[in-house]
Amino acid sequence: MNKKLLKKIAKIIIVASCFAVAIIVCPIISLILPIWFVLGLIDVLRNRPIDGLLLKRYFLGNGLLTFILSPFNLLCDLICYKNRKVYNLDDYPEAWKEEIKEVIQIFDENKAKIMADLDNRMADKKRGMIFYKWYNRNYNNSITEFNKQFRYIKTIGVSVFSPNQSTSWHFGPLRLSLRILYNLLPVDSKKAYIKTMGKEHYWKNQPFFSFDDTLFHRSVNETEHLRYCAFIDIIRPSPMPSVINSLAISLGFIMQKVRGIFYKHWDLLS
């Protein structure tokens, strides 16, 4: 029996054991779990295409946290406007759009400085990430314009891929916000893209891409160049923005403590 199969079996046993212990300690969980599973199924079936890899990663792999948070994420869907899954800039309400344009302009005006700074920090690292802002807390003062307290934007940063580096297929955890990506230096190649919902978005065609990152996705850089991509998390458009904002602030206190867990496969450069 090979190591890969043993690892899968061990993971299934661990997850099943945790559920079994939870049911023994608190029998009411046996009533909650079927409901939780149905909510998770509703959540994961938003993806396309639906296949074995998607379901395995969601329930037993790196999507397990997204599965656990599925009741909260589905609640967010109820208090926000319709989830388009993939967004153009014009899909955002005007107030959201103004903040997005402002931050993108700051990136455009400072991209040479940002890329030079990241080049110095990357060295032999495979994938690096720098945060200017994370859930409203400022982490880096090199671009002071990012220190502004935006109403809708909560996180600002840049990720860097070395040549021929890509992520695995994965899910973001929370649907309280949407992810905006902006490629600072698009390479004229179809080997640099992000893929979700069964479609590739090529950076050479459009440097802007926004989506619900709780969807199954993968970022690819199979070129011989560094890939610099700004990322922005903005709260979802909602008829009750103050409620969403309050939830984001509350979650921010928790997220500050666990930032490293979400980015354990990255070198944090800030």
Protein backbone atom coordinates (compact mmCIF):
# COMPACT_ATOMS: atom_id res chain seq x y z
CA MET A 1 0.00 0.00 0.00
CA ASN A 2 1.58 3.31 -1.09
CA LYS A 3 2.07 6.34 1.14
CA LYS A 4 -0.51 8.45 -0.71
CA LEU A 5 -3.27 5.90 -0.12
CA LEU A 6 -2.25 5.47 3.52
CA LYS A 7 -2.42 9.23 3.99
CA LYS A 8 -5.96 9.33 2.55
CA ILE A 9 -7.11 6.48 4.78
CA ALA A 10 -5.55 8.13 7.84
CA LYS A 11 -7.33 11.41 7.05
CA ILE A 12 -10.70 9.65 6.74
CA ILE A 13 -10.12 7.80 10.03
CA ILE A 14 -9.15 11.03 11.84
CA VAL A 15 -12.20 12.94 10.57
CA ALA A 16 -14.55 10.03 11.36
CA SER A 17 -13.01 9.65 14.84
CA CYS A 18 -13.48 13.35 15.59
CA PHE A 19 -17.15 13.16 14.61
CA ALA A 20 -17.62 9.97 16.66
CA VAL A 21 -16.06 11.51 19.78
CA ALA A 22 -18.17 14.66 19.32
CA ILE A 23 -21.37 12.58 19.10
CA ILE A 24 -20.46 10.60 22.24
CA VAL A 25 -19.63 13.75 24.23
CA CYS A 26 -22.65 15.68 22.93
CA PRO A 27 -25.39 13.42 21.48
CA ILE A 28 -27.34 16.37 20.06
CA ILE A 29 -24.56 16.66 17.47
CA SER A 30 -25.96 13.48 15.86
CA LEU A 31 -29.06 15.54 15.02
CA ILE A 32 -27.10 18.56 13.83
CA LEU A 33 -24.60 16.72 11.61
CA PRO A 34 -27.10 15.63 8.91
CA ILE A 35 -28.35 19.21 8.62
CA TRP A 36 -24.76 20.48 8.50
CA PHE A 37 -23.93 17.97 5.77
CA VAL A 38 -26.93 19.07 3.69
CA LEU A 39 -25.88 22.72 4.04
CA GLY A 40 -22.35 21.77 3.00
CA LEU A 41 -23.74 19.93 -0.01
CA ILE A 42 -25.78 22.98 -1.03
CA ASP A 43 -22.63 25.06 -0.67
CA VAL A 44 -20.25 22.85 -2.64
CA LEU A 45 -22.74 22.20 -5.45
CA ARG A 46 -22.51 25.88 -6.44
CA ASN A 47 -19.23 24.93 -8.13
CA ARG A 48 -18.71 23.79 -11.70
CA PRO A 49 -17.69 21.25 -12.81
CA ILE A 50 -18.81 18.88 -10.06
CA ASP A 51 -16.38 15.98 -9.84
CA GLY A 52 -14.62 13.68 -7.40
CA LEU A 53 -11.70 16.03 -6.76
CA LEU A 54 -14.05 18.88 -5.83
CA LEU A 55 -16.05 16.78 -3.35
CA LYS A 56 -12.99 15.10 -1.84
CA ARG A 57 -11.18 18.40 -1.27
CA TYR A 58 -14.31 20.05 0.16
CA PHE A 59 -15.28 17.38 2.69
CA LEU A 60 -11.90 15.77 3.45
CA GLY A 61 -9.21 18.14 2.22
CA ASN A 62 -8.34 21.83 2.28
CA GLY A 63 -12.03 22.74 1.95
CA LEU A 64 -12.94 21.27 5.34
CA LEU A 65 -12.97 24.72 6.98
CA THR A 66 -15.21 26.01 4.18
CA PHE A 67 -17.54 23.06 4.86
CA ILE A 68 -17.56 23.84 8.60
CA LEU A 69 -18.37 27.48 7.85
CA SER A 70 -21.03 26.65 5.24
CA PRO A 71 -24.01 27.58 7.51
CA PHE A 72 -22.48 31.02 8.10
CA ASN A 73 -21.62 31.46 4.42
CA LEU A 74 -25.13 30.55 3.33
CA LEU A 75 -26.48 33.05 5.86
CA CYS A 76 -24.25 35.69 4.25
CA ASP A 77 -25.87 34.83 0.91
CA LEU A 78 -29.28 35.62 2.40
CA ILE A 79 -28.32 39.11 3.61
CA CYS A 80 -26.25 40.09 0.55
CA TYR A 81 -27.19 40.77 -3.04
CA LYS A 82 -27.18 37.85 -5.49
CA ASN A 83 -23.82 36.13 -5.68
CA ARG A 84 -22.57 36.45 -9.27
CA LYS A 85 -19.62 34.16 -8.45
CA VAL A 86 -17.40 36.01 -10.95
CA TYR A 87 -17.60 39.81 -11.08
CA ASN A 88 -16.70 42.58 -13.48
CA LEU A 89 -15.87 45.99 -12.03
CA ASP A 90 -19.20 47.35 -13.28
CA ASP A 91 -21.07 44.66 -11.32
CA TYR A 92 -20.23 46.49 -8.09
CA PRO A 93 -22.38 49.35 -6.72
CA GLU A 94 -20.90 52.80 -7.26
CA ALA A 95 -19.59 53.26 -3.69
CA TRP A 96 -17.78 49.91 -3.80
CA LYS A 97 -16.47 50.67 -7.29
CA GLU A 98 -14.98 53.99 -6.18
CA GLU A 99 -12.92 52.32 -3.45
CA ILE A 100 -11.74 49.60 -5.84
CA LYS A 101 -10.66 52.18 -8.42
CA GLU A 102 -8.87 54.19 -5.73
CA VAL A 103 -6.83 51.21 -4.53
CA ILE A 104 -6.02 50.06 -8.08
CA GLN A 105 -4.80 53.57 -8.88
CA ILE A 106 -2.51 53.45 -5.83
CA PHE A 107 -1.12 50.15 -7.09
CA ASP A 108 -0.59 51.59 -10.58
CA GLU A 109 1.24 54.62 -9.19
CA ASN A 110 3.48 52.51 -6.96
CA LYS A 111 3.89 49.24 -8.86
CA ALA A 112 7.59 49.77 -9.69
CA LYS A 113 8.39 50.42 -6.02
CA ILE A 114 6.27 47.47 -4.87
CA MET A 115 7.82 45.01 -7.34
CA ALA A 116 11.36 46.15 -6.52
CA ASP A 117 10.65 45.70 -2.80
CA LEU A 118 9.23 42.22 -3.38
CA ASP A 119 12.16 41.23 -5.61
CA ASN A 120 14.52 42.03 -2.72
CA ARG A 121 12.46 39.96 -0.29
CA MET A 122 11.77 36.92 -2.48
CA ALA A 123 15.32 35.52 -2.85
CA ASP A 124 14.85 31.76 -3.45
CA LYS A 125 11.26 31.61 -2.15
CA LYS A 126 8.64 29.87 -4.27
CA ARG A 127 5.55 31.89 -3.33
CA GLY A 128 5.55 35.06 -1.29
CA MET A 129 2.88 37.38 0.08
CA ILE A 130 2.97 40.85 1.57
CA PHE A 131 0.09 42.43 3.48
CA TYR A 132 -0.48 46.17 3.65
CA LYS A 133 -3.81 45.68 5.41
CA TRP A 134 -5.49 42.59 6.89
CA TYR A 135 -9.05 42.92 8.18
CA ASN A 136 -8.57 46.67 8.71
CA ARG A 137 -5.27 46.37 10.58
CA ASN A 138 -2.29 48.00 8.84
CA TYR A 139 0.78 45.78 8.55
CA ASN A 140 3.15 47.69 6.27
CA ASN A 141 3.73 51.43 6.03
CA SER A 142 5.79 51.52 2.83
CA ILE A 143 2.73 52.71 0.84
CA THR A 144 1.02 55.09 3.25
CA GLU A 145 -2.06 55.50 1.04
CA PHE A 146 -3.06 51.94 1.94
CA ASN A 147 -3.29 52.92 5.62
CA LYS A 148 -6.55 54.73 4.97
CA GLN A 149 -9.59 53.23 6.72
CA PHE A 150 -11.77 52.24 3.80
CA ARG A 151 -15.46 51.61 4.32
CA TYR A 152 -15.73 48.46 2.23
CA ILE A 153 -12.18 47.25 1.56
CA LYS A 154 -10.76 45.21 4.44
CA THR A 155 -7.59 43.55 3.11
CA ILE A 156 -4.88 44.75 0.70
CA GLY A 157 -1.77 42.84 -0.30
CA VAL A 158 0.35 41.41 -3.11
CA SER A 159 1.22 37.80 -3.88
CA VAL A 160 4.30 36.78 -5.87
CA PHE A 161 4.87 33.52 -7.70
CA SER A 162 8.35 32.52 -8.79
CA PRO A 163 8.65 31.09 -12.32
CA ASN A 164 6.80 27.78 -12.80
CA GLN A 165 4.96 27.98 -9.48
CA SER A 166 1.24 27.37 -9.02
CA THR A 167 -1.22 26.71 -6.22
CA SER A 168 -3.14 23.49 -5.75
CA TRP A 169 -6.91 23.46 -6.12
CA HIS A 170 -8.36 25.06 -3.00
CA PHE A 171 -11.22 27.03 -1.39
CA GLY A 172 -11.28 30.29 0.52
CA PRO A 173 -13.04 29.99 3.90
CA LEU A 174 -15.46 32.95 4.16
CA ARG A 175 -18.11 34.44 1.89
CA LEU A 176 -18.44 37.67 3.86
CA SER A 177 -16.18 39.34 1.30
CA LEU A 178 -15.22 39.02 -2.36
CA ARG A 179 -11.69 38.68 -3.67
CA ILE A 180 -10.32 41.12 -6.24
CA LEU A 181 -7.09 40.30 -8.07
CA TYR A 182 -5.10 42.80 -10.13
CA ASN A 183 -2.03 41.65 -12.04
CA LEU A 184 0.68 44.31 -11.76
CA LEU A 185 2.78 43.04 -14.67
CA PRO A 186 0.84 40.72 -17.00
CA VAL A 187 3.01 38.39 -19.07
CA ASP A 188 2.00 37.87 -22.69
CA SER A 189 1.33 34.18 -22.21
CA LYS A 190 -1.59 31.81 -21.70
CA LYS A 191 0.52 29.99 -19.11
CA ALA A 192 -0.37 32.55 -16.42
CA TYR A 193 -3.98 32.46 -15.30
CA ILE A 194 -6.50 31.74 -12.57
CA LYS A 195 -9.11 29.05 -13.07
CA THR A 196 -12.49 28.70 -11.38
CA MET A 197 -15.97 27.51 -12.41
CA GLY A 198 -14.33 25.50 -15.20
CA LYS A 199 -12.91 28.59 -16.95
CA GLU A 200 -9.44 30.11 -17.20
CA HIS A 201 -8.95 33.85 -16.80
CA TYR A 202 -5.75 34.82 -18.62
CA TRP A 203 -3.88 37.79 -17.15
CA LYS A 204 -2.58 38.83 -20.56
CA ASN A 205 -6.16 39.55 -21.65
CA GLN A 206 -7.37 41.38 -18.54
CA PRO A 207 -5.36 42.21 -15.39
CA PHE A 208 -8.56 42.59 -13.28
CA PHE A 209 -10.42 39.59 -11.90
CA SER A 210 -12.94 39.43 -9.07
CA PHE A 211 -14.72 36.39 -7.70
CA ASP A 212 -16.19 34.60 -4.71
CA ASP A 213 -13.08 32.82 -3.47
CA THR A 214 -15.01 30.18 -1.52
CA LEU A 215 -15.37 28.63 -4.98
CA PHE A 216 -12.88 25.92 -5.98
CA HIS A 217 -9.99 27.66 -7.73
CA ARG A 218 -6.35 27.49 -8.69
CA SER A 219 -3.73 30.11 -9.65
CA VAL A 220 -1.16 29.08 -12.25
CA ASN A 221 2.16 30.56 -13.33
CA GLU A 222 3.89 28.24 -15.79
CA THR A 223 5.95 31.04 -17.31
CA GLU A 224 9.63 31.87 -16.76
CA HIS A 225 8.69 35.18 -15.14
CA LEU A 226 7.68 36.32 -11.67
CA ARG A 227 3.94 36.86 -11.32
CA TYR A 228 2.89 39.86 -9.19
CA CYS A 229 -0.78 40.01 -8.28
CA ALA A 230 -2.41 42.54 -5.98
CA PHE A 231 -5.27 41.13 -3.93
CA ILE A 232 -8.07 43.06 -2.29
CA ASP A 233 -10.86 41.73 -0.08
CA ILE A 234 -13.99 43.85 -0.13
CA ILE A 235 -17.20 43.22 1.81
CA ARG A 236 -20.02 41.91 -0.33
CA PRO A 237 -22.58 44.36 -1.66
CA SER A 238 -25.66 44.16 0.53
CA PRO A 239 -28.84 46.11 1.32
CA MET A 240 -27.51 46.01 4.91
CA PRO A 241 -23.86 47.08 4.56
CA SER A 242 -23.64 48.12 8.23
CA VAL A 243 -24.50 44.54 9.28
CA ILE A 244 -21.87 43.06 6.95
CA ASN A 245 -19.35 45.65 8.14
CA SER A 246 -20.05 44.82 11.79
CA LEU A 247 -19.59 41.11 11.08
CA ALA A 248 -16.30 41.85 9.30
CA ILE A 249 -15.04 43.91 12.25
CA SER A 250 -16.02 41.17 14.70
CA LEU A 251 -14.35 38.48 12.61
CA GLY A 252 -11.30 40.69 12.24
CA PHE A 253 -10.38 40.19 15.89
CA ILE A 254 -10.34 36.42 15.34
CA MET A 255 -8.66 36.53 11.94
CA GLN A 256 -5.72 38.54 13.30
CA LYS A 257 -4.84 35.54 15.47
CA VAL A 258 -5.04 32.88 12.77
CA ARG A 259 -3.64 34.64 9.69
CA GLY A 260 -0.71 32.22 9.50
CA ILE A 261 -3.04 29.20 9.27
CA PHE A 262 -4.63 30.43 6.04
CA TYR A 263 -1.26 31.13 4.43
CA LYS A 264 0.88 28.31 5.81
CA HIS A 265 2.08 27.39 2.30
CA TRP A 266 3.27 30.95 1.64
CA ASP A 267 6.27 32.95 2.80
CA LEU A 268 4.89 36.07 4.48
CA LEU A 269 7.13 38.92 3.38
CA SER A 270 5.74 41.76 5.51
